[in-house]
Amino acid sequence: MTGPCTGRRACLWMRRHADPGMRNVLGTLHGGVSLAFSELAARRAAEFSGGSSPEKFLPSSIRMSYLRPGIVEGHLRVTADVIHRSRTIATVETRVLNPDGKAATLGLVTLHRVEQA
């Protein structure tokens, strides 16, 4: 499930069912899973932040800070807030939220627009 956020800047939220296969050996959310969800949310937010027609963006850089263990139960919520978007580049801040609303990760994703042939 995805949807737009409310506020000044373009943003997006995603909610995904937490699957037991998303756990690492410690039983918390695997870092690669949170990175993949953050990248997906950032890409979708950038692609739809330019108006009615979506444009294709691909990540060129992802910086992740792992703030606390991710809890794998119920649903995972990911938010993506477009900080900057120009004709060719977008910068998006992402968060993977635990069920209590506290951020498990904080990401900064830089994406470049792909020319459509």
PDB file of N, CA and C in Angstrom:
ATOM      1  N   MET A   1       0.846  -1.169   0.000  1.00  0.00           N
ATOM      2  CA  MET A   1       0.000   0.000   0.000  1.00  0.00           C
ATOM      3  C   MET A   1       0.894   1.236   0.000  1.00  0.00           C
ATOM      4  N   THR A   2       0.579   2.196  -0.850  1.00  0.00           N
ATOM      5  CA  THR A   2       1.314   3.453  -0.894  1.00  0.00           C
ATOM      6  C   THR A   2       0.329   4.603  -0.921  1.00  0.00           C
ATOM      7  N   GLY A   3       0.824   5.790  -0.620  1.00  0.00           N
ATOM      8  CA  GLY A   3      -0.022   6.962  -0.675  1.00  0.00           C
ATOM      9  C   GLY A   3       0.788   8.223  -0.506  1.00  0.00           C
ATOM     10  N   PRO A   4       0.201   9.365  -0.853  1.00  0.00           N
ATOM     11  CA  PRO A   4       0.907  10.626  -0.682  1.00  0.00           C
ATOM     12  C   PRO A   4       0.865  11.071   0.778  1.00  0.00           C
ATOM     13  N   CYS A   5       1.859  11.849   1.164  1.00  0.00           N
ATOM     14  CA  CYS A   5       1.876  12.450   2.499  1.00  0.00           C
ATOM     15  C   CYS A   5       1.234  13.828   2.403  1.00  0.00           C
ATOM     16  N   THR A   6       1.039  14.452   3.516  1.00  0.00           N
ATOM     17  CA  THR A   6       0.550  15.825   3.510  1.00  0.00           C
ATOM     18  C   THR A   6       1.690  16.726   3.944  1.00  0.00           C
ATOM     19  N   GLY A   7       1.730  17.930   3.417  1.00  0.00           N
ATOM     20  CA  GLY A   7       2.798  18.854   3.770  1.00  0.00           C
ATOM     21  C   GLY A   7       3.220  19.664   2.565  1.00  0.00           C
ATOM     22  N   ARG A   8       4.286  20.467   2.749  1.00  0.00           N
ATOM     23  CA  ARG A   8       4.750  21.368   1.704  1.00  0.00           C
ATOM     24  C   ARG A   8       5.419  20.651   0.545  1.00  0.00           C
ATOM     25  N   ARG A   9       6.278  19.682   0.867  1.00  0.00           N
ATOM     26  CA  ARG A   9       7.066  19.031  -0.177  1.00  0.00           C
ATOM     27  C   ARG A   9       6.402  17.738  -0.616  1.00  0.00           C
ATOM     28  N   ALA A  10       6.833  17.279  -1.771  1.00  0.00           N
ATOM     29  CA  ALA A  10       6.332  15.998  -2.281  1.00  0.00           C
ATOM     30  C   ALA A  10       6.869  14.870  -1.416  1.00  0.00           C
ATOM     31  N   CYS A  11       6.005  13.957  -1.049  1.00  0.00           N
ATOM     32  CA  CYS A  11       6.454  12.807  -0.281  1.00  0.00           C
ATOM     33  C   CYS A  11       5.522  11.633  -0.526  1.00  0.00           C
ATOM     34  N   LEU A  12       5.921  10.489  -0.004  1.00  0.00           N
ATOM     35  CA  LEU A  12       5.191   9.261  -0.230  1.00  0.00           C
ATOM     36  C   LEU A  12       5.381   8.380   0.993  1.00  0.00           C
ATOM     37  N   TRP A  13       4.383   7.581   1.304  1.00  0.00           N
ATOM     38  CA  TRP A  13       4.555   6.565   2.352  1.00  0.00           C
ATOM     39  C   TRP A  13       4.166   5.217   1.778  1.00  0.00           C
ATOM     40  N   MET A  14       4.811   4.188   2.285  1.00  0.00           N
ATOM     41  CA  MET A  14       4.521   2.814   1.876  1.00  0.00           C
ATOM     42  C   MET A  14       4.290   1.991   3.132  1.00  0.00           C
ATOM     43  N   ARG A  15       3.421   1.017   3.019  1.00  0.00           N
ATOM     44  CA  ARG A  15       3.208   0.079   4.119  1.00  0.00           C
ATOM     45  C   ARG A  15       3.296  -1.325   3.546  1.00  0.00           C
ATOM     46  N   ARG A  16       4.156  -2.129   4.108  1.00  0.00           N
ATOM     47  CA  ARG A  16       4.364  -3.498   3.647  1.00  0.00           C
ATOM     48  C   ARG A  16       4.218  -4.457   4.816  1.00  0.00           C
ATOM     49  N   HIS A  17       3.620  -5.615   4.548  1.00  0.00           N
ATOM     50  CA  HIS A  17       3.501  -6.647   5.573  1.00  0.00           C
ATOM     51  C   HIS A  17       4.898  -7.161   5.913  1.00  0.00           C
ATOM     52  N   ALA A  18       5.213  -7.237   7.191  1.00  0.00           N
ATOM     53  CA  ALA A  18       6.517  -7.729   7.643  1.00  0.00           C
ATOM     54  C   ALA A  18       6.530  -9.252   7.598  1.00  0.00           C
ATOM     55  N   ASP A  19       7.377  -9.793   6.762  1.00  0.00           N
ATOM     56  CA  ASP A  19       7.503 -11.235   6.584  1.00  0.00           C
ATOM     57  C   ASP A  19       8.647 -11.756   7.458  1.00  0.00           C
ATOM     58  N   PRO A  20       8.510 -12.933   8.081  1.00  0.00           N
ATOM     59  CA  PRO A  20       9.596 -13.477   8.904  1.00  0.00           C
ATOM     60  C   PRO A  20      10.918 -13.620   8.147  1.00  0.00           C
ATOM     61  N   GLY A  21      10.875 -13.774   6.827  1.00  0.00           N
ATOM     62  CA  GLY A  21      12.092 -13.869   6.028  1.00  0.00           C
ATOM     63  C   GLY A  21      12.887 -12.572   5.962  1.00  0.00           C
ATOM     64  N   MET A  22      12.326 -11.479   6.471  1.00  0.00           N
ATOM     65  CA  MET A  22      13.013 -10.186   6.479  1.00  0.00           C
ATOM     66  C   MET A  22      13.942 -10.038   7.683  1.00  0.00           C
ATOM     67  N   ARG A  23      13.976 -11.051   8.541  1.00  0.00           N
ATOM     68  CA  ARG A  23      14.793 -10.969   9.761  1.00  0.00           C
ATOM     69  C   ARG A  23      16.249 -11.345   9.480  1.00  0.00           C
ATOM     70  N   ASN A  24      17.152 -10.729  10.254  1.00  0.00           N
ATOM     71  CA  ASN A  24      18.553 -11.144  10.231  1.00  0.00           C
ATOM     72  C   ASN A  24      18.759 -12.204  11.318  1.00  0.00           C
ATOM     73  N   VAL A  25      20.000 -12.615  11.572  1.00  0.00           N
ATOM     74  CA  VAL A  25      20.256 -13.671  12.560  1.00  0.00           C
ATOM     75  C   VAL A  25      19.918 -13.234  13.986  1.00  0.00           C
ATOM     76  N   LEU A  26      19.811 -11.934  14.228  1.00  0.00           N
ATOM     77  CA  LEU A  26      19.451 -11.419  15.551  1.00  0.00           C
ATOM     78  C   LEU A  26      17.940 -11.309  15.742  1.00  0.00           C
ATOM     79  N   GLY A  27      17.180 -11.567  14.675  1.00  0.00           N
ATOM     80  CA  GLY A  27      15.726 -11.499  14.762  1.00  0.00           C
ATOM     81  C   GLY A  27      15.139 -10.133  14.467  1.00  0.00           C
ATOM     82  N   THR A  28      15.983  -9.173  14.082  1.00  0.00           N
ATOM     83  CA  THR A  28      15.493  -7.837  13.740  1.00  0.00           C
ATOM     84  C   THR A  28      15.518  -7.665  12.221  1.00  0.00           C
ATOM     85  N   LEU A  29      14.982  -6.557  11.750  1.00  0.00           N
ATOM     86  CA  LEU A  29      14.904  -6.291  10.316  1.00  0.00           C
ATOM     87  C   LEU A  29      16.300  -6.275   9.694  1.00  0.00           C
ATOM     88  N   HIS A  30      16.483  -7.045   8.634  1.00  0.00           N
ATOM     89  CA  HIS A  30      17.763  -7.104   7.929  1.00  0.00           C
ATOM     90  C   HIS A  30      18.046  -5.743   7.298  1.00  0.00           C
ATOM     91  N   GLY A  31      19.281  -5.267   7.418  1.00  0.00           N
ATOM     92  CA  GLY A  31      19.656  -3.963   6.884  1.00  0.00           C
ATOM     93  C   GLY A  31      19.456  -3.842   5.389  1.00  0.00           C
ATOM     94  N   GLY A  32      19.668  -4.931   4.656  1.00  0.00           N
ATOM     95  CA  GLY A  32      19.464  -4.906   3.211  1.00  0.00           C
ATOM     96  C   GLY A  32      18.009  -4.727   2.830  1.00  0.00           C
ATOM     97  N   VAL A  33      17.116  -5.276   3.647  1.00  0.00           N
ATOM     98  CA  VAL A  33      15.679  -5.120   3.396  1.00  0.00           C
ATOM     99  C   VAL A  33      15.276  -3.666   3.600  1.00  0.00           C
ATOM    100  N   SER A  34      15.739  -3.055   4.689  1.00  0.00           N
ATOM    101  CA  SER A  34      15.392  -1.653   4.937  1.00  0.00           C
ATOM    102  C   SER A  34      15.994  -0.747   3.869  1.00  0.00           C
ATOM    103  N   LEU A  35      17.201  -1.066   3.396  1.00  0.00           N
ATOM    104  CA  LEU A  35      17.808  -0.278   2.331  1.00  0.00           C
ATOM    105  C   LEU A  35      17.006  -0.412   1.037  1.00  0.00           C
ATOM    106  N   ALA A  36      16.581  -1.628   0.705  1.00  0.00           N
ATOM    107  CA  ALA A  36      15.800  -1.847  -0.516  1.00  0.00           C
ATOM    108  C   ALA A  36      14.456  -1.123  -0.462  1.00  0.00           C
ATOM    109  N   PHE A  37      13.770  -1.186   0.681  1.00  0.00           N
ATOM    110  CA  PHE A  37      12.495  -0.477   0.820  1.00  0.00           C
ATOM    111  C   PHE A  37      12.699   1.030   0.721  1.00  0.00           C
ATOM    112  N   SER A  38      13.786   1.534   1.311  1.00  0.00           N
ATOM    113  CA  SER A  38      14.074   2.969   1.250  1.00  0.00           C
ATOM    114  C   SER A  38      14.335   3.412  -0.184  1.00  0.00           C
ATOM    115  N   GLU A  39      15.097   2.617  -0.922  1.00  0.00           N
ATOM    116  CA  GLU A  39      15.390   2.941  -2.320  1.00  0.00           C
ATOM    117  C   GLU A  39      14.115   2.943  -3.160  1.00  0.00           C
ATOM    118  N   LEU A  40      13.260   1.957  -2.954  1.00  0.00           N
ATOM    119  CA  LEU A  40      12.003   1.871  -3.698  1.00  0.00           C
ATOM    120  C   LEU A  40      11.107   3.076  -3.408  1.00  0.00           C
ATOM    121  N   ALA A  41      10.967   3.422  -2.139  1.00  0.00           N
ATOM    122  CA  ALA A  41      10.123   4.564  -1.766  1.00  0.00           C
ATOM    123  C   ALA A  41      10.686   5.869  -2.319  1.00  0.00           C
ATOM    124  N   ALA A  42      12.008   6.045  -2.258  1.00  0.00           N
ATOM    125  CA  ALA A  42      12.636   7.266  -2.776  1.00  0.00           C
ATOM    126  C   ALA A  42      12.417   7.389  -4.278  1.00  0.00           C
ATOM    127  N   ARG A  43      12.582   6.278  -4.984  1.00  0.00           N
ATOM    128  CA  ARG A  43      12.388   6.289  -6.433  1.00  0.00           C
ATOM    129  C   ARG A  43      10.956   6.661  -6.794  1.00  0.00           C
ATOM    130  N   ARG A  44       9.998   6.049  -6.122  1.00  0.00           N
ATOM    131  CA  ARG A  44       8.584   6.343  -6.406  1.00  0.00           C
ATOM    132  C   ARG A  44       8.258   7.806  -6.093  1.00  0.00           C
ATOM    133  N   ALA A  45       8.760   8.316  -4.971  1.00  0.00           N
ATOM    134  CA  ALA A  45       8.493   9.707  -4.603  1.00  0.00           C
ATOM    135  C   ALA A  45       9.083  10.662  -5.636  1.00  0.00           C
ATOM    136  N   ALA A  46      10.308  10.408  -6.085  1.00  0.00           N
ATOM    137  CA  ALA A  46      10.949  11.274  -7.082  1.00  0.00           C
ATOM    138  C   ALA A  46      10.211  11.219  -8.412  1.00  0.00           C
ATOM    139  N   GLU A  47       9.818  10.016  -8.822  1.00  0.00           N
ATOM    140  CA  GLU A  47       9.164   9.849 -10.120  1.00  0.00           C
ATOM    141  C   GLU A  47       7.823  10.564 -10.197  1.00  0.00           C
ATOM    142  N   PHE A  48       7.100  10.622  -9.094  1.00  0.00           N
ATOM    143  CA  PHE A  48       5.765  11.224  -9.111  1.00  0.00           C
ATOM    144  C   PHE A  48       5.732  12.642  -8.548  1.00  0.00           C
ATOM    145  N   SER A  49       6.898  13.224  -8.233  1.00  0.00           N
ATOM    146  CA  SER A  49       6.911  14.564  -7.645  1.00  0.00           C
ATOM    147  C   SER A  49       6.883  15.672  -8.680  1.00  0.00           C
ATOM    148  N   GLY A  50       6.973  15.331  -9.957  1.00  0.00           N
ATOM    149  CA  GLY A  50       7.048  16.358 -10.989  1.00  0.00           C
ATOM    150  C   GLY A  50       5.740  16.722 -11.648  1.00  0.00           C
ATOM    151  N   GLY A  51       4.640  16.215 -11.176  1.00  0.00           N
ATOM    152  CA  GLY A  51       3.364  16.537 -11.792  1.00  0.00           C
ATOM    153  C   GLY A  51       2.612  15.296 -12.204  1.00  0.00           C
ATOM    154  N   SER A  52       1.813  15.450 -13.249  1.00  0.00           N
ATOM    155  CA  SER A  52       0.902  14.375 -13.632  1.00  0.00           C
ATOM    156  C   SER A  52       1.584  13.213 -14.349  1.00  0.00           C
ATOM    157  N   SER A  53       2.657  13.471 -15.094  1.00  0.00           N
ATOM    158  CA  SER A  53       3.299  12.370 -15.818  1.00  0.00           C
ATOM    159  C   SER A  53       4.573  11.938 -15.090  1.00  0.00           C
ATOM    160  N   PRO A  54       4.647  10.676 -14.677  1.00  0.00           N
ATOM    161  CA  PRO A  54       5.830  10.212 -13.949  1.00  0.00           C
ATOM    162  C   PRO A  54       7.063  10.162 -14.846  1.00  0.00           C
ATOM    163  N   GLU A  55       8.229  10.452 -14.256  1.00  0.00           N
ATOM    164  CA  GLU A  55       9.498  10.371 -14.966  1.00  0.00           C
ATOM    165  C   GLU A  55      10.352   9.321 -14.280  1.00  0.00           C
ATOM    166  N   LYS A  56      11.179   8.625 -15.045  1.00  0.00           N
ATOM    167  CA  LYS A  56      11.989   7.544 -14.484  1.00  0.00           C
ATOM    168  C   LYS A  56      13.258   8.101 -13.829  1.00  0.00           C
ATOM    169  N   PHE A  57      13.461   7.748 -12.557  1.00  0.00           N
ATOM    170  CA  PHE A  57      14.666   8.108 -11.815  1.00  0.00           C
ATOM    171  C   PHE A  57      15.338   6.836 -11.317  1.00  0.00           C
ATOM    172  N   LEU A  58      16.670   6.830 -11.310  1.00  0.00           N
ATOM    173  CA  LEU A  58      17.436   5.713 -10.765  1.00  0.00           C
ATOM    174  C   LEU A  58      18.421   6.235  -9.727  1.00  0.00           C
ATOM    175  N   PRO A  59      18.655   5.473  -8.655  1.00  0.00           N
ATOM    176  CA  PRO A  59      19.542   5.953  -7.592  1.00  0.00           C
ATOM    177  C   PRO A  59      21.007   5.963  -8.024  1.00  0.00           C
ATOM    178  N   SER A  60      21.718   7.004  -7.607  1.00  0.00           N
ATOM    179  CA  SER A  60      23.159   7.066  -7.839  1.00  0.00           C
ATOM    180  C   SER A  60      23.914   6.991  -6.521  1.00  0.00           C
ATOM    181  N   SER A  61      23.215   7.254  -5.403  1.00  0.00           N
ATOM    182  CA  SER A  61      23.861   7.235  -4.094  1.00  0.00           C
ATOM    183  C   SER A  61      22.807   7.007  -3.015  1.00  0.00           C
ATOM    184  N   ILE A  62      23.141   6.140  -2.057  1.00  0.00           N
ATOM    185  CA  ILE A  62      22.255   5.907  -0.911  1.00  0.00           C
ATOM    186  C   ILE A  62      23.109   5.933   0.348  1.00  0.00           C
ATOM    187  N   ARG A  63      22.716   6.757   1.305  1.00  0.00           N
ATOM    188  CA  ARG A  63      23.398   6.795   2.599  1.00  0.00           C
ATOM    189  C   ARG A  63      22.381   6.410   3.662  1.00  0.00           C
ATOM    190  N   MET A  64      22.669   5.350   4.410  1.00  0.00           N
ATOM    191  CA  MET A  64      21.738   4.858   5.431  1.00  0.00           C
ATOM    192  C   MET A  64      22.355   4.983   6.814  1.00  0.00           C
ATOM    193  N   SER A  65      21.558   5.454   7.750  1.00  0.00           N
ATOM    194  CA  SER A  65      21.924   5.440   9.169  1.00  0.00           C
ATOM    195  C   SER A  65      20.961   4.493   9.855  1.00  0.00           C
ATOM    196  N   TYR A  66      21.513   3.509  10.535  1.00  0.00           N
ATOM    197  CA  TYR A  66      20.705   2.527  11.259  1.00  0.00           C
ATOM    198  C   TYR A  66      20.597   3.011  12.699  1.00  0.00           C
ATOM    199  N   LEU A  67      19.419   3.519  13.070  1.00  0.00           N
ATOM    200  CA  LEU A  67      19.228   4.188  14.350  1.00  0.00           C
ATOM    201  C   LEU A  67      18.893   3.243  15.491  1.00  0.00           C
ATOM    202  N   ARG A  68      18.090   2.238  15.211  1.00  0.00           N
ATOM    203  CA  ARG A  68      17.677   1.257  16.226  1.00  0.00           C
ATOM    204  C   ARG A  68      17.227  -0.001  15.512  1.00  0.00           C
ATOM    205  N   PRO A  69      17.128  -1.124  16.235  1.00  0.00           N
ATOM    206  CA  PRO A  69      16.683  -2.360  15.583  1.00  0.00           C
ATOM    207  C   PRO A  69      15.291  -2.201  14.970  1.00  0.00           C
ATOM    208  N   GLY A  70      15.143  -2.727  13.775  1.00  0.00           N
ATOM    209  CA  GLY A  70      13.838  -2.731  13.123  1.00  0.00           C
ATOM    210  C   GLY A  70      13.021  -3.907  13.622  1.00  0.00           C
ATOM    211  N   ILE A  71      11.784  -3.653  13.989  1.00  0.00           N
ATOM    212  CA  ILE A  71      10.904  -4.690  14.525  1.00  0.00           C
ATOM    213  C   ILE A  71      10.128  -5.315  13.370  1.00  0.00           C
ATOM    214  N   VAL A  72      10.232  -6.635  13.248  1.00  0.00           N
ATOM    215  CA  VAL A  72       9.585  -7.354  12.147  1.00  0.00           C
ATOM    216  C   VAL A  72       8.317  -8.013  12.673  1.00  0.00           C
ATOM    217  N   GLU A  73       7.253  -7.228  12.742  1.00  0.00           N
ATOM    218  CA  GLU A  73       5.925  -7.747  13.094  1.00  0.00           C
ATOM    219  C   GLU A  73       4.894  -6.753  12.596  1.00  0.00           C
ATOM    220  N   GLY A  74       3.746  -7.262  12.208  1.00  0.00           N
ATOM    221  CA  GLY A  74       2.699  -6.383  11.679  1.00  0.00           C
ATOM    222  C   GLY A  74       3.099  -5.812  10.332  1.00  0.00           C
ATOM    223  N   HIS A  75       3.100  -4.481  10.240  1.00  0.00           N
ATOM    224  CA  HIS A  75       3.437  -3.803   8.996  1.00  0.00           C
ATOM    225  C   HIS A  75       4.637  -2.890   9.196  1.00  0.00           C
ATOM    226  N   LEU A  76       5.460  -2.790   8.161  1.00  0.00           N
ATOM    227  CA  LEU A  76       6.549  -1.827   8.128  1.00  0.00           C
ATOM    228  C   LEU A  76       6.046  -0.595   7.399  1.00  0.00           C
ATOM    229  N   ARG A  77       6.398   0.566   7.894  1.00  0.00           N
ATOM    230  CA  ARG A  77       6.009   1.806   7.231  1.00  0.00           C
ATOM    231  C   ARG A  77       7.276   2.524   6.785  1.00  0.00           C
ATOM    232  N   VAL A  78       7.291   2.955   5.542  1.00  0.00           N
ATOM    233  CA  VAL A  78       8.432   3.664   4.978  1.00  0.00           C
ATOM    234  C   VAL A  78       7.934   5.011   4.471  1.00  0.00           C
ATOM    235  N   THR A  79       8.625   6.092   4.832  1.00  0.00           N
ATOM    236  CA  THR A  79       8.269   7.410   4.316  1.00  0.00           C
ATOM    237  C   THR A  79       9.410   7.920   3.445  1.00  0.00           C
ATOM    238  N   ALA A  80       9.062   8.689   2.434  1.00  0.00           N
ATOM    239  CA  ALA A  80      10.040   9.289   1.527  1.00  0.00           C
ATOM    240  C   ALA A  80       9.631  10.736   1.293  1.00  0.00           C
ATOM    241  N   ASP A  81      10.513  11.654   1.649  1.00  0.00           N
ATOM    242  CA  ASP A  81      10.249  13.087   1.549  1.00  0.00           C
ATOM    243  C   ASP A  81      11.220  13.695   0.533  1.00  0.00           C
ATOM    244  N   VAL A  82      10.694  14.229  -0.561  1.00  0.00           N
ATOM    245  CA  VAL A  82      11.542  14.820  -1.599  1.00  0.00           C
ATOM    246  C   VAL A  82      12.054  16.168  -1.089  1.00  0.00           C
ATOM    247  N   ILE A  83      13.347  16.231  -0.831  1.00  0.00           N
ATOM    248  CA  ILE A  83      13.977  17.450  -0.321  1.00  0.00           C
ATOM    249  C   ILE A  83      14.275  18.418  -1.462  1.00  0.00           C
ATOM    250  N   HIS A  84      14.728  17.868  -2.586  1.00  0.00           N
ATOM    251  CA  HIS A  84      15.081  18.691  -3.746  1.00  0.00           C
ATOM    252  C   HIS A  84      14.805  17.891  -5.015  1.00  0.00           C
ATOM    253  N   ARG A  85      14.268  18.568  -6.017  1.00  0.00           N
ATOM    254  CA  ARG A  85      14.093  17.932  -7.323  1.00  0.00           C
ATOM    255  C   ARG A  85      14.272  18.982  -8.399  1.00  0.00           C
ATOM    256  N   SER A  86      15.178  18.703  -9.298  1.00  0.00           N
ATOM    257  CA  SER A  86      15.365  19.570 -10.457  1.00  0.00           C
ATOM    258  C   SER A  86      15.038  18.751 -11.706  1.00  0.00           C
ATOM    259  N   ARG A  87      15.414  19.270 -12.857  1.00  0.00           N
ATOM    260  CA  ARG A  87      15.122  18.577 -14.098  1.00  0.00           C
ATOM    261  C   ARG A  87      15.851  17.236 -14.195  1.00  0.00           C
ATOM    262  N   THR A  88      17.041  17.132 -13.586  1.00  0.00           N
ATOM    263  CA  THR A  88      17.851  15.921 -13.757  1.00  0.00           C
ATOM    264  C   THR A  88      18.178  15.164 -12.476  1.00  0.00           C
ATOM    265  N   ILE A  89      17.951  15.748 -11.321  1.00  0.00           N
ATOM    266  CA  ILE A  89      18.377  15.110 -10.070  1.00  0.00           C
ATOM    267  C   ILE A  89      17.320  15.293  -8.983  1.00  0.00           C
ATOM    268  N   ALA A  90      17.255  14.335  -8.081  1.00  0.00           N
ATOM    269  CA  ALA A  90      16.350  14.440  -6.925  1.00  0.00           C
ATOM    270  C   ALA A  90      17.085  13.936  -5.690  1.00  0.00           C
ATOM    271  N   THR A  91      16.811  14.567  -4.560  1.00  0.00           N
ATOM    272  CA  THR A  91      17.344  14.130  -3.272  1.00  0.00           C
ATOM    273  C   THR A  91      16.157  13.841  -2.371  1.00  0.00           C
ATOM    274  N   VAL A  92      16.134  12.642  -1.795  1.00  0.00           N
ATOM    275  CA  VAL A  92      14.980  12.182  -1.022  1.00  0.00           C
ATOM    276  C   VAL A  92      15.449  11.661   0.333  1.00  0.00           C
ATOM    277  N   GLU A  93      14.757  12.083   1.397  1.00  0.00           N
ATOM    278  CA  GLU A  93      15.024  11.573   2.744  1.00  0.00           C
ATOM    279  C   GLU A  93      14.015  10.468   3.044  1.00  0.00           C
ATOM    280  N   THR A  94      14.502   9.329   3.508  1.00  0.00           N
ATOM    281  CA  THR A  94      13.620   8.195   3.792  1.00  0.00           C
ATOM    282  C   THR A  94      13.733   7.783   5.254  1.00  0.00           C
ATOM    283  N   ARG A  95      12.667   7.166   5.742  1.00  0.00           N
ATOM    284  CA  ARG A  95      12.656   6.591   7.091  1.00  0.00           C
ATOM    285  C   ARG A  95      11.893   5.274   7.050  1.00  0.00           C
ATOM    286  N   VAL A  96      12.450   4.256   7.694  1.00  0.00           N
ATOM    287  CA  VAL A  96      11.716   3.019   7.948  1.00  0.00           C
ATOM    288  C   VAL A  96      11.278   3.107   9.398  1.00  0.00           C
ATOM    289  N   LEU A  97       9.968   3.034   9.623  1.00  0.00           N
ATOM    290  CA  LEU A  97       9.413   3.243  10.960  1.00  0.00           C
ATOM    291  C   LEU A  97       8.989   1.930  11.599  1.00  0.00           C
ATOM    292  N   ASN A  98       9.299   1.793  12.877  1.00  0.00           N
ATOM    293  CA  ASN A  98       8.830   0.659  13.672  1.00  0.00           C
ATOM    294  C   ASN A  98       7.347   0.855  13.983  1.00  0.00           C
ATOM    295  N   PRO A  99       6.667  -0.192  14.466  1.00  0.00           N
ATOM    296  CA  PRO A  99       5.242  -0.059  14.794  1.00  0.00           C
ATOM    297  C   PRO A  99       4.929   1.066  15.789  1.00  0.00           C
ATOM    298  N   ASP A 100       5.901   1.421  16.657  1.00  0.00           N
ATOM    299  CA  ASP A 100       5.672   2.511  17.616  1.00  0.00           C
ATOM    300  C   ASP A 100       5.872   3.893  16.998  1.00  0.00           C
ATOM    301  N   GLY A 101       6.214   3.945  15.703  1.00  0.00           N
ATOM    302  CA  GLY A 101       6.395   5.214  15.009  1.00  0.00           C
ATOM    303  C   GLY A 101       7.811   5.755  15.054  1.00  0.00           C
ATOM    304  N   LYS A 102       8.692   5.123  15.818  1.00  0.00           N
ATOM    305  CA  LYS A 102      10.080   5.578  15.894  1.00  0.00           C
ATOM    306  C   LYS A 102      10.857   5.061  14.689  1.00  0.00           C
ATOM    307  N   ALA A 103      11.761   5.907  14.191  1.00  0.00           N
ATOM    308  CA  ALA A 103      12.538   5.546  13.003  1.00  0.00           C
ATOM    309  C   ALA A 103      13.591   4.496  13.336  1.00  0.00           C
ATOM    310  N   ALA A 104      13.602   3.416  12.558  1.00  0.00           N
ATOM    311  CA  ALA A 104      14.660   2.407  12.663  1.00  0.00           C
ATOM    312  C   ALA A 104      15.837   2.809  11.778  1.00  0.00           C
ATOM    313  N   THR A 105      15.538   3.424  10.629  1.00  0.00           N
ATOM    314  CA  THR A 105      16.591   3.899   9.728  1.00  0.00           C
ATOM    315  C   THR A 105      16.261   5.292   9.223  1.00  0.00           C
ATOM    316  N   LEU A 106      17.309   5.991   8.847  1.00  0.00           N
ATOM    317  CA  LEU A 106      17.190   7.298   8.206  1.00  0.00           C
ATOM    318  C   LEU A 106      18.089   7.243   6.982  1.00  0.00           C
ATOM    319  N   GLY A 107      17.529   7.508   5.816  1.00  0.00           N
ATOM    320  CA  GLY A 107      18.302   7.412   4.584  1.00  0.00           C
ATOM    321  C   GLY A 107      18.281   8.702   3.788  1.00  0.00           C
ATOM    322  N   LEU A 108      19.328   8.903   3.024  1.00  0.00           N
ATOM    323  CA  LEU A 108      19.398  10.016   2.084  1.00  0.00           C
ATOM    324  C   LEU A 108      19.736   9.413   0.723  1.00  0.00           C
ATOM    325  N   VAL A 109      18.819   9.563  -0.220  1.00  0.00           N
ATOM    326  CA  VAL A 109      18.956   8.927  -1.530  1.00  0.00           C
ATOM    327  C   VAL A 109      19.054  10.015  -2.598  1.00  0.00           C
ATOM    328  N   THR A 110      20.090   9.931  -3.421  1.00  0.00           N
ATOM    329  CA  THR A 110      20.251  10.825  -4.561  1.00  0.00           C
ATOM    330  C   THR A 110      19.929  10.027  -5.819  1.00  0.00           C
ATOM    331  N   LEU A 111      19.069  10.595  -6.651  1.00  0.00           N
ATOM    332  CA  LEU A 111      18.638   9.902  -7.870  1.00  0.00           C
ATOM    333  C   LEU A 111      18.844  10.808  -9.077  1.00  0.00           C
ATOM    334  N   HIS A 112      19.101  10.193 -10.230  1.00  0.00           N
ATOM    335  CA  HIS A 112      19.223  10.923 -11.493  1.00  0.00           C
ATOM    336  C   HIS A 112      18.115  10.495 -12.435  1.00  0.00           C
ATOM    337  N   ARG A 113      17.591  11.472 -13.164  1.00  0.00           N
ATOM    338  CA  ARG A 113      16.529  11.182 -14.127  1.00  0.00           C
ATOM    339  C   ARG A 113      17.111  10.448 -15.324  1.00  0.00           C
ATOM    340  N   VAL A 114      16.373   9.458 -15.797  1.00  0.00           N
ATOM    341  CA  VAL A 114      16.778   8.672 -16.960  1.00  0.00           C
ATOM    342  C   VAL A 114      16.009   9.196 -18.163  1.00  0.00           C
ATOM    343  N   GLU A 115      16.736   9.504 -19.226  1.00  0.00           N
ATOM    344  CA  GLU A 115      16.102   9.980 -20.456  1.00  0.00           C
ATOM    345  C   GLU A 115      15.287   8.859 -21.077  1.00  0.00           C
ATOM    346  N   GLN A 116      14.051   9.160 -21.437  1.00  0.00           N
ATOM    347  CA  GLN A 116      13.186   8.185 -22.097  1.00  0.00           C
ATOM    348  C   GLN A 116      13.485   8.184 -23.589  1.00  0.00           C
ATOM    349  N   ALA A 117      13.613   7.015 -24.166  1.00  0.00           N
ATOM    350  CA  ALA A 117      13.916   6.917 -25.606  1.00  0.00           C
ATOM    351  C   ALA A 117      12.653   6.995 -26.426  1.00  0.00           C
TER     352      ALA A 117
END
